[in-house]
Protein backbone atom coordinates (compact mmCIF):
# COMPACT_ATOMS: atom_id res chain seq x y z
CA MET A 1 -10.67 55.22 -4.19
CA THR A 2 -14.23 54.23 -6.03
CA GLY A 3 -12.59 51.40 -7.79
CA ARG A 4 -14.29 52.61 -11.39
CA GLY A 5 -13.13 51.80 -14.04
CA ARG A 6 -11.18 48.54 -13.13
CA ARG A 7 -11.81 45.89 -15.36
CA ALA A 8 -13.72 42.80 -13.37
CA PRO A 9 -11.50 39.82 -12.62
CA ILE A 10 -11.88 36.61 -14.68
CA GLU A 11 -13.74 34.19 -12.52
CA LEU A 12 -11.60 30.98 -12.25
CA PRO A 13 -14.10 27.49 -12.44
CA PRO A 14 -14.84 25.85 -9.27
CA SER A 15 -11.30 23.32 -7.66
CA ASP A 16 -12.29 19.57 -8.22
CA PRO A 17 -15.56 18.31 -5.67
CA THR A 18 -14.31 15.32 -5.60
CA LEU A 19 -10.82 15.91 -3.93
CA LYS A 20 -13.30 16.55 -0.62
CA THR A 21 -15.43 13.35 -1.41
CA ARG A 22 -11.97 11.03 -2.37
CA PRO A 23 -8.82 12.91 -0.92
CA VAL A 24 -5.47 12.11 -1.96
CA PRO A 25 -3.56 10.93 1.28
CA ARG A 26 -0.57 12.57 1.68
CA GLU A 27 1.83 10.12 0.05
CA ARG A 28 1.03 7.73 -2.85
CA HIS A 29 3.73 5.46 -3.84
CA PHE A 30 3.15 5.12 -7.31
CA VAL A 31 4.51 1.76 -9.76
CA LEU A 32 6.22 4.16 -12.37
CA ARG A 33 7.71 2.86 -15.85
CA SER A 34 10.78 5.07 -17.05
CA PHE A 35 12.03 5.72 -21.21
CA GLY A 36 14.33 7.50 -23.10
CA PRO A 37 17.95 6.69 -22.99
CA ALA A 38 18.24 6.95 -18.97
CA ALA A 39 15.32 4.67 -17.78
CA SER A 40 18.08 1.68 -17.63
CA PRO A 41 20.04 2.22 -14.39
CA GLU A 42 23.39 0.40 -16.38
CA ASN A 43 23.00 3.11 -18.94
CA GLN A 44 23.32 6.06 -16.04
CA HIS A 45 27.08 5.29 -15.58
CA ASN A 46 28.73 6.70 -18.86
CA PHE A 47 27.46 10.21 -18.07
CA HIS A 48 29.51 13.15 -18.89
CA SER A 49 30.54 16.53 -17.64
CA ILE A 50 30.17 19.62 -19.38
CA GLU A 51 33.77 20.17 -18.36
CA ASP A 52 34.55 16.75 -20.38
CA LEU A 53 32.47 17.50 -23.28
CA GLU A 54 33.84 21.40 -23.66
CA GLU A 55 37.19 19.53 -24.06
CA LYS A 56 36.03 17.48 -26.90
CA HIS A 57 33.71 20.13 -28.42
CA GLU A 58 35.50 21.51 -31.82
CA ALA A 59 33.33 24.07 -33.46
CA ARG A 60 32.03 22.31 -36.54
CA SER A 61 31.34 24.34 -39.60
CA LEU A 62 28.54 23.83 -40.94
CA SER A 63 27.39 23.62 -44.71
CA GLU A 64 25.24 25.92 -46.11
CA ASP A 65 22.48 23.42 -47.13
CA ASP A 66 22.71 21.71 -43.42
CA GLY A 67 23.21 25.04 -41.41
CA GLU A 68 19.90 26.36 -39.60
CA GLU A 69 19.31 28.48 -36.63
CA ALA A 70 19.26 26.29 -33.56
CA ASP A 71 19.37 26.20 -29.90
CA ASP A 72 22.35 26.38 -27.61
CA THR A 73 22.05 23.19 -26.22
CA LYS A 74 25.55 23.28 -24.05
CA GLU A 75 23.42 26.22 -22.47
CA LEU A 76 20.20 23.80 -22.31
CA LEU A 77 22.45 20.66 -20.64
CA GLU A 78 24.15 23.34 -18.01
CA LEU A 79 20.26 24.08 -16.86
CA LEU A 80 18.46 20.79 -17.09
CA ILE A 81 21.42 19.64 -14.87
CA SER A 82 22.40 21.90 -12.43
CA GLU A 83 20.54 20.84 -9.33
CA CYS A 84 22.01 16.67 -10.33
CA ASP A 85 24.61 17.86 -7.54
CA MET A 86 21.93 19.44 -5.00
CA ASP A 87 21.65 16.97 -1.20
CA TRP A 88 17.91 17.57 -1.28
CA ARG A 89 17.81 15.40 1.66
CA GLU A 90 20.77 17.70 3.54
CA ASP A 91 21.50 13.95 4.70
CA GLY A 92 24.95 14.04 3.52
CA THR A 93 23.92 10.66 0.89
CA PRO A 94 25.15 11.14 -2.66
CA PRO A 95 23.26 12.36 -5.47
CA GLU A 96 20.96 10.05 -6.68
CA ASP A 97 19.35 11.31 -10.01
CA LEU A 98 22.12 12.86 -12.80
CA THR A 99 19.02 12.38 -15.20
CA TRP A 100 16.72 15.07 -17.00
CA GLY A 101 12.80 14.77 -17.92
CA PRO A 102 9.41 15.52 -16.75
CA THR A 103 6.62 13.50 -15.32
CA ILE A 104 4.10 11.88 -17.44
CA VAL A 105 1.04 11.82 -16.00
CA VAL A 106 -1.96 9.21 -17.79
CA THR A 107 -5.22 9.79 -17.36
CA ALA A 108 -6.93 7.66 -20.57
CA TYR A 109 -7.46 3.65 -19.61
CA SER A 110 -9.17 2.96 -22.91
CA GLU A 111 -7.93 -0.61 -24.48
CA THR A 112 -6.86 1.50 -27.54
CA ALA A 113 -5.45 4.05 -25.09
CA LYS A 114 -3.70 1.38 -23.00
CA LYS A 115 -2.73 -0.02 -26.12
CA ASP A 116 -0.79 2.67 -27.43
CA LEU A 117 0.57 4.32 -24.73
CA ASP A 118 4.00 2.55 -25.40
CA LYS A 119 3.80 3.75 -29.07
CA ALA A 120 3.44 7.28 -28.05
CA VAL A 121 5.60 8.15 -25.20
CA ALA A 122 8.49 6.66 -27.57
CA SER A 123 7.37 9.05 -30.53
CA LEU A 124 7.76 11.54 -27.26
CA VAL A 125 11.19 10.51 -26.55
CA GLU A 126 12.34 10.12 -30.40
CA ALA A 127 10.84 14.23 -30.63
CA ILE A 128 13.04 15.68 -27.91
CA HIS A 129 15.45 13.38 -30.16
CA ARG A 130 15.16 15.03 -33.32
CA TYR A 131 15.55 18.44 -31.58
CA LEU A 132 18.23 17.67 -29.78
CA LEU A 133 19.68 16.46 -33.81
CA ARG A 134 18.66 19.56 -35.41
CA CYS A 135 21.12 21.43 -32.68
CA ARG A 136 24.33 20.40 -34.79
CA LYS A 137 27.17 22.55 -33.44
CA THR A 138 26.92 21.91 -29.60
CA ALA A 139 26.27 17.78 -31.28
CA PRO A 140 28.36 16.79 -28.16
CA PHE A 141 26.43 18.80 -25.54
CA SER A 142 23.25 17.66 -27.77
CA LYS A 143 24.33 13.90 -27.46
CA GLU A 144 24.70 14.10 -23.76
CA ALA A 145 21.70 15.85 -23.47
CA PHE A 146 19.50 12.84 -24.84
CA LYS A 147 21.57 10.21 -22.99
CA ARG A 148 20.24 11.55 -19.52
CA LEU A 149 16.64 12.00 -20.72
CA ARG A 150 14.56 9.95 -18.72
CA LEU A 151 10.45 10.21 -18.75
CA ASP A 152 8.69 8.65 -16.13
CA VAL A 153 5.31 6.86 -16.41
CA ILE A 154 2.46 6.94 -13.28
CA GLU A 155 -0.10 4.80 -14.40
CA ASN A 156 -3.22 3.63 -12.27
CA GLN A 157 -7.23 3.40 -13.90
CA GLU A 158 -8.26 3.36 -10.06
CA LEU A 159 -7.37 6.50 -9.59
CA LEU A 160 -6.36 8.60 -12.49
CA ARG A 161 -8.91 7.40 -15.34
CA ASN A 162 -10.17 11.05 -16.89
CA ALA A 163 -8.77 12.50 -13.93
CA SER A 164 -9.57 16.32 -13.53
CA ASP A 165 -6.38 18.87 -13.51
CA ASP A 166 -7.18 19.50 -10.26
CA ARG A 167 -6.79 15.37 -9.21
CA VAL A 168 -3.85 15.26 -11.62
CA ARG A 169 -2.07 17.99 -9.53
CA GLU A 170 -2.68 16.81 -5.92
CA GLU A 171 -1.30 13.06 -6.99
CA PHE A 172 1.52 14.09 -8.42
CA ASN A 173 1.72 16.41 -5.46
CA SER A 174 1.44 13.29 -3.34
CA HIS A 175 4.35 11.07 -5.66
CA VAL A 176 6.45 14.01 -5.00
CA ARG A 177 6.35 14.08 -1.14
CA ALA A 178 6.75 10.26 -1.62
CA LEU A 179 9.98 10.73 -3.32
CA GLY A 180 11.12 12.52 -0.12
CA LEU A 181 13.54 14.64 -1.17
CA PHE A 182 13.26 17.51 1.29
CA PRO A 183 15.04 17.79 4.65
CA GLN A 184 13.79 16.87 8.05
CA SER A 185 14.15 20.00 9.27
CA ALA A 186 10.92 20.17 6.97
CA LYS A 187 9.22 17.31 7.92
CA ARG A 188 10.03 18.41 11.44
CA ARG A 189 7.88 21.63 10.51
CA LYS A 190 5.03 19.91 9.44
CA ARG A 191 3.59 19.42 12.68
CA PHE A 192 3.44 23.23 13.34
CA SER A 193 1.83 23.85 9.81
CA SER A 194 -0.74 22.10 7.96
CA ASP A 195 0.35 23.63 4.63
CA CYS A 196 3.93 22.49 4.90
CA LEU A 197 4.76 19.94 2.11
CA ASN A 198 1.51 20.55 0.83
CA ARG A 199 3.79 22.22 -1.83
CA PRO A 200 7.10 20.46 -1.25
CA ASP A 201 10.08 22.68 -2.46
CA GLY A 202 12.54 19.90 -4.72
CA PRO A 203 13.80 19.28 -7.84
CA GLN A 204 13.11 21.22 -10.93
CA ARG A 205 12.51 18.53 -12.83
CA TYR A 206 9.17 18.14 -10.45
CA GLY A 207 7.78 21.52 -10.77
CA PHE A 208 5.26 20.22 -13.85
CA CYS A 209 4.02 17.30 -15.07
CA ILE A 210 2.76 16.27 -18.74
CA VAL A 211 -1.08 14.78 -18.84
CA LEU A 212 -1.68 11.71 -21.80
CA ASP A 213 -5.07 11.74 -22.25
CA ASP A 214 -6.66 9.99 -25.32
CA GLN A 215 -6.87 12.33 -27.49
CA ILE A 216 -3.22 12.93 -26.85
CA ILE A 217 -1.64 9.50 -26.72
CA LYS A 218 -3.73 8.56 -30.35
CA THR A 219 -2.52 11.27 -31.69
CA LEU A 220 1.21 10.56 -31.13
CA ALA A 221 0.90 6.85 -31.78
CA ALA A 222 0.26 7.97 -35.09
CA LEU A 223 3.31 9.92 -35.74
CA VAL A 224 5.56 8.69 -38.71
CA PHE A 225 8.73 10.53 -38.60
CA PRO A 226 10.14 11.57 -41.85
CA GLU A 227 14.33 11.49 -42.32
CA ASP A 228 14.89 14.64 -43.05
CA LEU A 229 14.34 16.51 -39.65
CA LYS A 230 13.50 19.77 -41.05
CA LYS A 231 10.39 18.20 -41.77
CA ASP A 232 9.43 18.01 -38.31
CA GLU A 233 8.15 21.67 -37.62
CA GLU A 234 5.66 20.93 -40.42
CA LEU A 235 4.90 17.73 -38.76
CA LEU A 236 4.48 18.87 -35.31
CA LYS A 237 3.13 22.63 -35.38
CA ASP A 238 -0.29 21.72 -34.15
CA ILE A 239 0.99 19.24 -31.37
CA PHE A 240 0.79 20.78 -27.67
CA LEU A 241 1.25 18.72 -24.33
CA LYS A 242 -1.27 19.53 -21.13
CA VAL A 243 1.42 20.26 -18.30
CA ILE A 244 -0.24 21.13 -15.31
CA ASP A 245 2.06 23.78 -12.56
CA ARG A 246 2.77 21.07 -9.33
CA ARG A 247 2.73 24.10 -7.16
CA TRP A 248 0.05 26.77 -8.14
CA LYS A 249 -2.78 27.05 -5.84
CA TYR A 250 -6.36 28.64 -6.43
CA PRO A 251 -6.00 32.27 -5.72
CA GLU A 252 -8.70 34.52 -4.36
CA GLU A 253 -8.90 35.59 -7.70
CA ASP A 254 -7.21 35.34 -11.19
CA ASP A 255 -3.53 37.01 -10.53
CA ASN A 256 -1.96 36.64 -13.86
CA GLU A 257 -3.88 37.55 -16.77
CA TYR A 258 -3.16 37.59 -20.49
CA GLY A 259 -4.40 39.14 -23.36
CA LEU A 260 -6.56 42.21 -24.10
CA GLY A 261 -10.83 42.03 -24.47
CA PRO A 262 -12.63 39.00 -25.10
CA GLY A 263 -9.91 36.84 -25.96
CA ARG A 264 -8.40 37.70 -22.54
CA ARG A 265 -7.22 34.85 -20.25
CA VAL A 266 -5.95 33.99 -16.75
CA TYR A 267 -3.50 31.51 -15.53
CA GLU A 268 -5.20 28.65 -14.38
CA GLY A 269 -2.28 26.42 -13.16
CA LYS A 270 -1.92 24.48 -16.46
CA ASP A 271 -0.34 25.38 -19.59
CA PHE A 272 -0.06 23.85 -23.44
CA CYS A 273 3.55 23.31 -24.46
CA PRO A 274 4.39 23.21 -28.01
CA ILE A 275 6.08 19.29 -28.38
CA LEU A 276 8.88 20.87 -30.80
CA ASP A 277 9.81 23.42 -27.75
CA LEU A 278 9.42 20.88 -25.03
CA PRO A 279 13.67 20.41 -24.07
CA LEU A 280 13.44 24.37 -24.45
CA ILE A 281 10.54 24.96 -21.78
CA CYS A 282 12.43 22.37 -19.53
CA ALA A 283 15.88 23.73 -19.62
CA LYS A 284 14.07 27.54 -19.19
CA TRP A 285 12.36 26.31 -16.99
CA TYR A 286 15.29 26.61 -14.34
CA GLU A 287 15.63 30.07 -14.53
CA HIS A 288 11.64 31.58 -13.57
CA ALA A 289 10.07 31.08 -10.74
CA GLY A 290 7.13 29.51 -11.51
CA LEU A 291 5.11 27.95 -14.78
CA ASP A 292 2.82 31.42 -14.84
CA GLU A 293 5.84 33.44 -15.88
CA MET A 294 6.66 31.24 -18.47
CA TRP A 295 2.59 31.65 -19.76
CA PRO A 296 1.77 30.86 -22.27
CA LEU A 297 3.73 28.49 -23.49
CA ASP A 298 3.22 28.98 -27.23
CA GLU A 299 4.28 32.22 -27.23
CA TYR A 300 7.36 32.26 -24.83
CA ARG A 301 10.10 31.99 -27.89
CA GLU A 302 8.86 34.38 -29.34
CA LYS A 303 9.00 36.36 -26.47
CA TRP A 304 11.23 35.23 -23.57
CA TYR A 305 14.21 33.49 -26.17
């Protein structure tokens, strides 16, 4: 077999060489800041189970003016909290985390970016809130999903300023390893395999992180939401969040292609998520083996949902 006619693989860019000169430690204990209704531990005592919500839920008939196609937030909530009862350490301790939400890694530290960061994350929280508000037919589940939202923010100017995607991925993995959400058996295996815990398993909420650079911070901080929820699509349609796949490793050659001809693309362990679809992507992530299955995210709703 000569392989004649086979398309040449797309060459991936080389990995960040600074990871060899400035390697990331096995564990990094970042000081986190959290945003969203569940950011405060005191607010985590009033969560309701799906069963409780089903008992309270009554189908609401919407008028034609109010009615629009919206996602079933009961299904999304079930996915988002599907791992909340798991004992990741397998040590019998009760569940520690009943919330959901991706981690944010900040790579911009100009004076303007630092000033605008909190407003930018608050705008992201509000965009998620308004997505859920639009799902009126399943309102009790929408409210519960928002109550459980917690966005953890990783900031460190010295380590992350203008960090490459590769460094963000490795620093995020270092953070996840520091959480220790894996059993003692995995720690023991680490002694016999250098790759064990390099990309540790764990809650799906840590499968990818959102990157906030100068431009997206500026864009989010400048958002002014209209009173009419229906106008969000026009406001947000061109805003995309860079997401980094934590478990991705450089393959020997590209192993996931999309499209044909000059527009042909290859998966590089990252993607850009429409802010309009962020809650949907976070939930449906639990049904997929990885971000590469969902890529490209800007076409996910059309192709899968």
